[in-house]
Amino acid sequence: MTGSELLIFVLGTLVGVLTGGATCVRYLRQEVAADIGPRLRRLQLQLDNRESAVNLALVARHTDLGTRLGSEPMPRFPERGGHQP
């Protein structure tokens, strides 16, 4: 490898590193500048809505099971083949 080839290789590597660093800095500045607070609040609201829906479904199921158990006795064994044992 001659001196000029080494110089071209080193110069190319330097330009590549500087370009990559500038791209990373630009991306990071955009992300920091774009306030992520509103996005996080929106995600939290979506999670809260889903949690409320699951809780409502669980309470409704619990209430439904409670009224069924209180009004009619549950059979110990289900009927098989349409006849009673």
C-alpha atoms as a PDB file:
ATOM      1  CA  MET A   1       0.000   0.000   0.000  1.00  0.00           C
ATOM      2  CA  THR A   2       1.469   3.313  -0.994  1.00  0.00           C
ATOM      3  CA  GLY A   3       1.252   6.517   0.960  1.00  0.00           C
ATOM      4  CA  SER A   4      -1.457   8.015  -1.266  1.00  0.00           C
ATOM      5  CA  GLU A   5      -3.643   4.895  -0.970  1.00  0.00           C
ATOM      6  CA  LEU A   6      -3.317   5.008   2.809  1.00  0.00           C
ATOM      7  CA  LEU A   7      -4.190   8.697   2.813  1.00  0.00           C
ATOM      8  CA  ILE A   8      -7.304   8.065   0.672  1.00  0.00           C
ATOM      9  CA  PHE A   9      -8.346   5.198   2.979  1.00  0.00           C
ATOM     10  CA  VAL A  10      -7.894   7.309   6.121  1.00  0.00           C
ATOM     11  CA  LEU A  11      -9.683  10.274   4.546  1.00  0.00           C
ATOM     12  CA  GLY A  12     -12.620   8.068   3.468  1.00  0.00           C
ATOM     13  CA  THR A  13     -12.883   6.557   6.943  1.00  0.00           C
ATOM     14  CA  LEU A  14     -12.831  10.000   8.515  1.00  0.00           C
ATOM     15  CA  VAL A  15     -15.543  11.300   6.188  1.00  0.00           C
ATOM     16  CA  GLY A  16     -17.682   8.214   6.926  1.00  0.00           C
ATOM     17  CA  VAL A  17     -17.345   8.615  10.677  1.00  0.00           C
ATOM     18  CA  LEU A  18     -18.141  12.329  10.515  1.00  0.00           C
ATOM     19  CA  THR A  19     -21.183  11.723   8.292  1.00  0.00           C
ATOM     20  CA  GLY A  20     -22.486   8.988  10.596  1.00  0.00           C
ATOM     21  CA  GLY A  21     -21.948  11.160  13.661  1.00  0.00           C
ATOM     22  CA  ALA A  22     -23.718  14.108  12.054  1.00  0.00           C
ATOM     23  CA  THR A  23     -26.669  11.872  11.125  1.00  0.00           C
ATOM     24  CA  CYS A  24     -26.914  10.551  14.682  1.00  0.00           C
ATOM     25  CA  VAL A  25     -26.715  14.038  16.174  1.00  0.00           C
ATOM     26  CA  ARG A  26     -29.395  15.287  13.790  1.00  0.00           C
ATOM     27  CA  TYR A  27     -31.717  12.394  14.693  1.00  0.00           C
ATOM     28  CA  LEU A  28     -31.162  12.863  18.407  1.00  0.00           C
ATOM     29  CA  ARG A  29     -31.835  16.603  18.167  1.00  0.00           C
ATOM     30  CA  GLN A  30     -35.108  15.934  16.338  1.00  0.00           C
ATOM     31  CA  GLU A  31     -36.233  13.447  18.959  1.00  0.00           C
ATOM     32  CA  VAL A  32     -35.300  15.667  21.877  1.00  0.00           C
ATOM     33  CA  ALA A  33     -36.890  18.705  20.239  1.00  0.00           C
ATOM     34  CA  ALA A  34     -40.105  16.825  19.480  1.00  0.00           C
ATOM     35  CA  ASP A  35     -41.734  16.856  22.881  1.00  0.00           C
ATOM     36  CA  ILE A  36     -42.673  13.253  23.562  1.00  0.00           C
ATOM     37  CA  GLY A  37     -44.917  14.194  26.464  1.00  0.00           C
ATOM     38  CA  PRO A  38     -48.145  14.361  24.420  1.00  0.00           C
ATOM     39  CA  ARG A  39     -47.464  10.952  22.885  1.00  0.00           C
ATOM     40  CA  LEU A  40     -46.845   9.429  26.288  1.00  0.00           C
ATOM     41  CA  ARG A  41     -50.039  10.974  27.677  1.00  0.00           C
ATOM     42  CA  ARG A  42     -52.039   9.609  24.734  1.00  0.00           C
ATOM     43  CA  LEU A  43     -50.575   6.132  25.252  1.00  0.00           C
ATOM     44  CA  GLN A  44     -51.353   6.307  28.970  1.00  0.00           C
ATOM     45  CA  LEU A  45     -54.962   7.276  28.226  1.00  0.00           C
ATOM     46  CA  GLN A  46     -55.297   4.332  25.833  1.00  0.00           C
ATOM     47  CA  LEU A  47     -53.930   1.984  28.478  1.00  0.00           C
ATOM     48  CA  ASP A  48     -56.294   3.424  31.089  1.00  0.00           C
ATOM     49  CA  ASN A  49     -59.273   2.949  28.742  1.00  0.00           C
ATOM     50  CA  ARG A  50     -58.352  -0.668  28.089  1.00  0.00           C
ATOM     51  CA  GLU A  51     -57.833  -1.328  31.776  1.00  0.00           C
ATOM     52  CA  SER A  52     -61.257   0.139  32.535  1.00  0.00           C
ATOM     53  CA  ALA A  53     -62.853  -2.034  29.850  1.00  0.00           C
ATOM     54  CA  VAL A  54     -61.231  -5.169  31.263  1.00  0.00           C
ATOM     55  CA  ASN A  55     -62.288  -4.256  34.807  1.00  0.00           C
ATOM     56  CA  LEU A  56     -65.855  -3.624  33.645  1.00  0.00           C
ATOM     57  CA  ALA A  57     -65.949  -6.995  31.880  1.00  0.00           C
ATOM     58  CA  LEU A  58     -64.590  -8.751  34.971  1.00  0.00           C
ATOM     59  CA  VAL A  59     -67.121  -7.085  37.275  1.00  0.00           C
ATOM     60  CA  ALA A  60     -69.968  -7.927  34.900  1.00  0.00           C
ATOM     61  CA  ARG A  61     -68.835 -11.557  34.707  1.00  0.00           C
ATOM     62  CA  HIS A  62     -68.470 -11.766  38.478  1.00  0.00           C
ATOM     63  CA  THR A  63     -71.931 -10.282  38.969  1.00  0.00           C
ATOM     64  CA  ASP A  64     -73.417 -12.637  36.400  1.00  0.00           C
ATOM     65  CA  LEU A  65     -71.863 -15.664  38.092  1.00  0.00           C
ATOM     66  CA  GLY A  66     -72.978 -14.427  41.499  1.00  0.00           C
ATOM     67  CA  THR A  67     -76.615 -14.051  40.426  1.00  0.00           C
ATOM     68  CA  ARG A  68     -76.603 -17.447  38.740  1.00  0.00           C
ATOM     69  CA  LEU A  69     -75.152 -19.182  41.764  1.00  0.00           C
ATOM     70  CA  GLY A  70     -77.544 -17.422  44.110  1.00  0.00           C
ATOM     71  CA  SER A  71     -80.742 -18.134  42.175  1.00  0.00           C
ATOM     72  CA  GLU A  72     -80.304 -21.702  40.957  1.00  0.00           C
ATOM     73  CA  PRO A  73     -78.107 -24.491  42.236  1.00  0.00           C
ATOM     74  CA  MET A  74     -75.357 -25.587  39.930  1.00  0.00           C
ATOM     75  CA  PRO A  75     -75.446 -29.320  39.088  1.00  0.00           C
ATOM     76  CA  ARG A  76     -72.564 -31.264  40.504  1.00  0.00           C
ATOM     77  CA  PHE A  77     -72.129 -33.352  37.382  1.00  0.00           C
ATOM     78  CA  PRO A  78     -73.448 -32.388  33.972  1.00  0.00           C
ATOM     79  CA  GLU A  79     -75.930 -34.668  32.284  1.00  0.00           C
ATOM     80  CA  ARG A  80     -74.513 -37.137  29.803  1.00  0.00           C
ATOM     81  CA  GLY A  81     -76.328 -38.435  26.775  1.00  0.00           C
ATOM     82  CA  GLY A  82     -79.633 -36.813  27.655  1.00  0.00           C
ATOM     83  CA  HIS A  83     -80.470 -39.107  30.625  1.00  0.00           C
ATOM     84  CA  GLN A  84     -80.056 -38.558  34.303  1.00  0.00           C
ATOM     85  CA  PRO A  85     -77.870 -40.893  36.391  1.00  0.00           C
END
